Amino acid sequence: MFLSQQLASVSSLADIAQTAVNHILAAFNSPAALFLPDDAGEHLLLQAGTADFELENDGYAVADWVFRHGQPAGRHTDTLTGVEGYYLPLQTSGQIIGVMAVKFPDEHKRSFAGKQRYLLTSFASQIALALERAYLAEQAAESYAPAT
C-alpha cells in the first residue's frame, strides 16, 4: 500500500506518526523517527520511532535545529554532519510542523542517491500534509466544543 493511502486511513497525530515511521522502515530498511512540537510549540518531542531507532546523543539538538531552520541536517548534508541520522523538516505552507529522522545502514555511508533523496523528500511532504490535516481537525473540534 502507498504511504498516501496509509496516511489517509488514520487521523490522530500518534497514528500518523507511527504509520509514517513504519512505512519508512519498510521502504528504506532503515530505522526512523518523528519529532513533533509540544503544545506550546517550544520543544520537540519524540512522537514515534521504529523499534530499532536509537536516539543519538545530539539527536534532539539536531532535530531542534532542523525545526527552527527548515533545512535538512545530519549525514548526507553539509550541516551537523557528526550525527548518523538524516534529519528532514516536515513542512507545509511555509510552516515547519515537525522533523523526520532516518538512520541509514552502513552501506549508505558514502552515497545517498538522488532517487532515494527524492523519495524521502516526497514522504516528508505527504507526512507533513497528513499532520497538518490532523492539527486542523483538532483545532476545529476544540473551537466547536461546548464550553463547560
C-alpha atoms as a PDB file:
ATOM      1  CA  MET A   1       0.000   0.000   0.000  1.00  0.00           C
ATOM      2  CA  PHE A   2       1.228   3.529  -0.789  1.00  0.00           C
ATOM      3  CA  LEU A   3       2.149   5.898   2.029  1.00  0.00           C
ATOM      4  CA  SER A   4      -0.578   8.348   0.997  1.00  0.00           C
ATOM      5  CA  GLN A   5      -3.218   5.600   1.287  1.00  0.00           C
ATOM      6  CA  GLN A   6      -1.933   4.522   4.696  1.00  0.00           C
ATOM      7  CA  LEU A   7      -1.892   8.108   5.976  1.00  0.00           C
ATOM      8  CA  ALA A   8      -5.422   8.725   4.698  1.00  0.00           C
ATOM      9  CA  SER A   9      -6.687   5.810   6.777  1.00  0.00           C
ATOM     10  CA  VAL A  10      -5.526   7.254  10.130  1.00  0.00           C
ATOM     11  CA  SER A  11      -6.429  10.522  11.792  1.00  0.00           C
ATOM     12  CA  SER A  12      -4.661  11.013  15.124  1.00  0.00           C
ATOM     13  CA  LEU A  13      -1.186  12.534  15.361  1.00  0.00           C
ATOM     14  CA  ALA A  14       0.131   9.420  17.093  1.00  0.00           C
ATOM     15  CA  ASP A  15      -1.284   7.097  14.416  1.00  0.00           C
ATOM     16  CA  ILE A  16       0.026   9.268  11.585  1.00  0.00           C
ATOM     17  CA  ALA A  17       3.490   9.365  13.151  1.00  0.00           C
ATOM     18  CA  GLN A  18       3.623   5.617  13.736  1.00  0.00           C
ATOM     19  CA  THR A  19       2.305   4.847  10.247  1.00  0.00           C
ATOM     20  CA  ALA A  20       4.941   7.148   8.765  1.00  0.00           C
ATOM     21  CA  VAL A  21       7.931   5.626  10.555  1.00  0.00           C
ATOM     22  CA  ASN A  22       6.737   2.096   9.816  1.00  0.00           C
ATOM     23  CA  HIS A  23       6.453   2.941   6.115  1.00  0.00           C
ATOM     24  CA  ILE A  24       9.940   4.485   6.060  1.00  0.00           C
ATOM     25  CA  LEU A  25      11.330   1.367   7.705  1.00  0.00           C
ATOM     26  CA  ALA A  26       9.666  -0.817   5.068  1.00  0.00           C
ATOM     27  CA  ALA A  27      10.699   1.367   2.125  1.00  0.00           C
ATOM     28  CA  PHE A  28      14.310   2.078   3.119  1.00  0.00           C
ATOM     29  CA  ASN A  29      15.065  -0.765   5.532  1.00  0.00           C
ATOM     30  CA  SER A  30      16.181   1.962   7.924  1.00  0.00           C
ATOM     31  CA  PRO A  31      15.113   2.952  11.448  1.00  0.00           C
ATOM     32  CA  ALA A  32      13.100   6.169  11.542  1.00  0.00           C
ATOM     33  CA  ALA A  33      11.511   8.577  13.999  1.00  0.00           C
ATOM     34  CA  LEU A  34       9.219  11.607  14.003  1.00  0.00           C
ATOM     35  CA  PHE A  35       9.618  14.614  16.274  1.00  0.00           C
ATOM     36  CA  LEU A  36       6.670  16.938  16.832  1.00  0.00           C
ATOM     37  CA  PRO A  37       6.457  20.153  18.866  1.00  0.00           C
ATOM     38  CA  ASP A  38       4.893  20.182  22.317  1.00  0.00           C
ATOM     39  CA  ASP A  39       1.600  22.030  22.876  1.00  0.00           C
ATOM     40  CA  ALA A  40       3.439  25.313  23.419  1.00  0.00           C
ATOM     41  CA  GLY A  41       5.481  24.799  20.250  1.00  0.00           C
ATOM     42  CA  GLU A  42       8.704  25.382  22.165  1.00  0.00           C
ATOM     43  CA  HIS A  43      10.233  21.909  22.416  1.00  0.00           C
ATOM     44  CA  LEU A  44      10.286  18.899  20.153  1.00  0.00           C
ATOM     45  CA  LEU A  45       9.134  15.557  21.488  1.00  0.00           C
ATOM     46  CA  LEU A  46       9.862  12.140  20.047  1.00  0.00           C
ATOM     47  CA  GLN A  47       6.357  11.262  18.829  1.00  0.00           C
ATOM     48  CA  ALA A  48       7.089   7.888  17.223  1.00  0.00           C
ATOM     49  CA  GLY A  49      10.000   5.700  16.287  1.00  0.00           C
ATOM     50  CA  THR A  50      10.564   2.263  14.882  1.00  0.00           C
ATOM     51  CA  ALA A  51      11.591  -0.339  17.452  1.00  0.00           C
ATOM     52  CA  ASP A  52      15.202  -0.259  16.246  1.00  0.00           C
ATOM     53  CA  PHE A  53      15.555   3.550  16.243  1.00  0.00           C
ATOM     54  CA  GLU A  54      18.077   4.652  18.842  1.00  0.00           C
ATOM     55  CA  LEU A  55      18.201   8.375  19.517  1.00  0.00           C
ATOM     56  CA  GLU A  56      21.776   9.543  19.292  1.00  0.00           C
ATOM     57  CA  ASN A  57      23.297  11.883  21.890  1.00  0.00           C
ATOM     58  CA  ASP A  58      22.775  15.031  19.831  1.00  0.00           C
ATOM     59  CA  GLY A  59      19.553  13.834  18.215  1.00  0.00           C
ATOM     60  CA  TYR A  60      17.257  16.332  19.932  1.00  0.00           C
ATOM     61  CA  ALA A  61      19.661  19.193  19.221  1.00  0.00           C
ATOM     62  CA  VAL A  62      19.837  18.307  15.521  1.00  0.00           C
ATOM     63  CA  ALA A  63      16.055  17.854  15.293  1.00  0.00           C
ATOM     64  CA  ASP A  64      15.590  21.236  17.006  1.00  0.00           C
ATOM     65  CA  TRP A  65      17.996  22.908  14.562  1.00  0.00           C
ATOM     66  CA  VAL A  66      16.126  21.405  11.590  1.00  0.00           C
ATOM     67  CA  PHE A  67      12.794  22.516  13.097  1.00  0.00           C
ATOM     68  CA  ARG A  68      13.988  26.098  13.602  1.00  0.00           C
ATOM     69  CA  HIS A  69      15.872  26.492  10.298  1.00  0.00           C
ATOM     70  CA  GLY A  70      13.730  24.409   7.926  1.00  0.00           C
ATOM     71  CA  GLN A  71      16.756  22.719   6.379  1.00  0.00           C
ATOM     72  CA  PRO A  72      17.935  19.085   6.407  1.00  0.00           C
ATOM     73  CA  ALA A  73      20.868  18.234   8.659  1.00  0.00           C
ATOM     74  CA  GLY A  74      22.988  15.263   9.625  1.00  0.00           C
ATOM     75  CA  ARG A  75      24.523  12.583   7.467  1.00  0.00           C
ATOM     76  CA  HIS A  76      24.427  13.297   3.717  1.00  0.00           C
ATOM     77  CA  THR A  77      24.131  17.063   4.295  1.00  0.00           C
ATOM     78  CA  ASP A  78      26.575  19.915   4.841  1.00  0.00           C
ATOM     79  CA  THR A  79      25.132  20.726   8.269  1.00  0.00           C
ATOM     80  CA  LEU A  80      25.718  18.989  11.616  1.00  0.00           C
ATOM     81  CA  THR A  81      27.355  16.066   9.860  1.00  0.00           C
ATOM     82  CA  GLY A  82      28.638  14.487  13.065  1.00  0.00           C
ATOM     83  CA  VAL A  83      25.396  12.587  13.652  1.00  0.00           C
ATOM     84  CA  GLU A  84      24.442   9.340  11.959  1.00  0.00           C
ATOM     85  CA  GLY A  85      20.852  10.225  11.114  1.00  0.00           C
ATOM     86  CA  TYR A  86      19.453  12.247   8.248  1.00  0.00           C
ATOM     87  CA  TYR A  87      17.028  14.826   9.699  1.00  0.00           C
ATOM     88  CA  LEU A  88      14.450  16.373   7.390  1.00  0.00           C
ATOM     89  CA  PRO A  89      11.892  19.123   8.126  1.00  0.00           C
ATOM     90  CA  LEU A  90       8.194  18.366   7.728  1.00  0.00           C
ATOM     91  CA  GLN A  91       6.918  21.492   6.018  1.00  0.00           C
ATOM     92  CA  THR A  92       3.561  22.718   4.753  1.00  0.00           C
ATOM     93  CA  SER A  93       2.526  26.162   3.566  1.00  0.00           C
ATOM     94  CA  GLY A  94       5.839  27.598   4.658  1.00  0.00           C
ATOM     95  CA  GLN A  95       5.481  26.298   8.211  1.00  0.00           C
ATOM     96  CA  ILE A  96       7.631  23.589   9.787  1.00  0.00           C
ATOM     97  CA  ILE A  97       5.384  21.240  11.751  1.00  0.00           C
ATOM     98  CA  GLY A  98       7.852  18.521  12.696  1.00  0.00           C
ATOM     99  CA  VAL A  99      11.055  16.669  11.893  1.00  0.00           C
ATOM    100  CA  MET A 100      11.671  13.228  10.429  1.00  0.00           C
ATOM    101  CA  ALA A 101      14.869  11.323  11.223  1.00  0.00           C
ATOM    102  CA  VAL A 102      16.184   8.318   9.310  1.00  0.00           C
ATOM    103  CA  LYS A 103      19.270   6.277  10.117  1.00  0.00           C
ATOM    104  CA  PHE A 104      20.554   4.577   7.011  1.00  0.00           C
ATOM    105  CA  PRO A 105      22.503   1.322   7.157  1.00  0.00           C
ATOM    106  CA  ASP A 106      26.284   1.455   6.844  1.00  0.00           C
ATOM    107  CA  GLU A 107      26.198   0.717   3.106  1.00  0.00           C
ATOM    108  CA  HIS A 108      24.674   4.200   2.632  1.00  0.00           C
ATOM    109  CA  LYS A 109      27.506   5.995   4.455  1.00  0.00           C
ATOM    110  CA  ARG A 110      29.223   7.152   1.273  1.00  0.00           C
ATOM    111  CA  SER A 111      26.335   7.922  -1.032  1.00  0.00           C
ATOM    112  CA  PHE A 112      22.764   8.970  -0.872  1.00  0.00           C
ATOM    113  CA  ALA A 113      21.353   8.630  -4.375  1.00  0.00           C
ATOM    114  CA  GLY A 114      19.139  11.295  -5.906  1.00  0.00           C
ATOM    115  CA  LYS A 115      16.215   8.872  -6.186  1.00  0.00           C
ATOM    116  CA  GLN A 116      16.442   7.996  -2.503  1.00  0.00           C
ATOM    117  CA  ARG A 117      16.621  11.661  -1.506  1.00  0.00           C
ATOM    118  CA  TYR A 118      13.659  12.484  -3.778  1.00  0.00           C
ATOM    119  CA  LEU A 119      11.563   9.632  -2.371  1.00  0.00           C
ATOM    120  CA  LEU A 120      12.349  10.590   1.215  1.00  0.00           C
ATOM    121  CA  THR A 121      11.503  14.232   0.475  1.00  0.00           C
ATOM    122  CA  SER A 122       8.241  13.061  -1.084  1.00  0.00           C
ATOM    123  CA  PHE A 123       7.459  11.029   2.044  1.00  0.00           C
ATOM    124  CA  ALA A 124       8.216  14.080   4.210  1.00  0.00           C
ATOM    125  CA  SER A 125       5.742  16.162   2.195  1.00  0.00           C
ATOM    126  CA  GLN A 126       2.995  13.534   2.473  1.00  0.00           C
ATOM    127  CA  ILE A 127       3.582  13.119   6.208  1.00  0.00           C
ATOM    128  CA  ALA A 128       3.538  16.883   6.735  1.00  0.00           C
ATOM    129  CA  LEU A 129       0.201  17.195   4.912  1.00  0.00           C
ATOM    130  CA  ALA A 130      -1.316  14.383   6.981  1.00  0.00           C
ATOM    131  CA  LEU A 131      -0.089  16.011  10.201  1.00  0.00           C
ATOM    132  CA  GLU A 132      -1.451  19.380   9.110  1.00  0.00           C
ATOM    133  CA  ARG A 133      -4.825  17.748   8.410  1.00  0.00           C
ATOM    134  CA  ALA A 134      -4.808  16.248  11.923  1.00  0.00           C
ATOM    135  CA  TYR A 135      -3.835  19.566  13.543  1.00  0.00           C
ATOM    136  CA  LEU A 136      -6.610  21.378  11.679  1.00  0.00           C
ATOM    137  CA  ALA A 137      -9.143  18.723  12.701  1.00  0.00           C
ATOM    138  CA  GLU A 138      -8.065  19.089  16.340  1.00  0.00           C
ATOM    139  CA  GLN A 139      -8.410  22.879  16.148  1.00  0.00           C
ATOM    140  CA  ALA A 140     -11.843  22.599  14.565  1.00  0.00           C
ATOM    141  CA  ALA A 141     -13.015  20.148  17.229  1.00  0.00           C
ATOM    142  CA  GLU A 142     -11.736  22.441  20.008  1.00  0.00           C
ATOM    143  CA  SER A 143     -13.400  25.529  18.551  1.00  0.00           C
ATOM    144  CA  TYR A 144     -16.781  23.779  18.282  1.00  0.00           C
ATOM    145  CA  ALA A 145     -16.615  22.042  21.647  1.00  0.00           C
ATOM    146  CA  PRO A 146     -19.251  23.290  24.087  1.00  0.00           C
ATOM    147  CA  ALA A 147     -17.895  25.428  26.909  1.00  0.00           C
ATOM    148  CA  THR A 148     -18.020  23.846  30.333  1.00  0.00           C
END
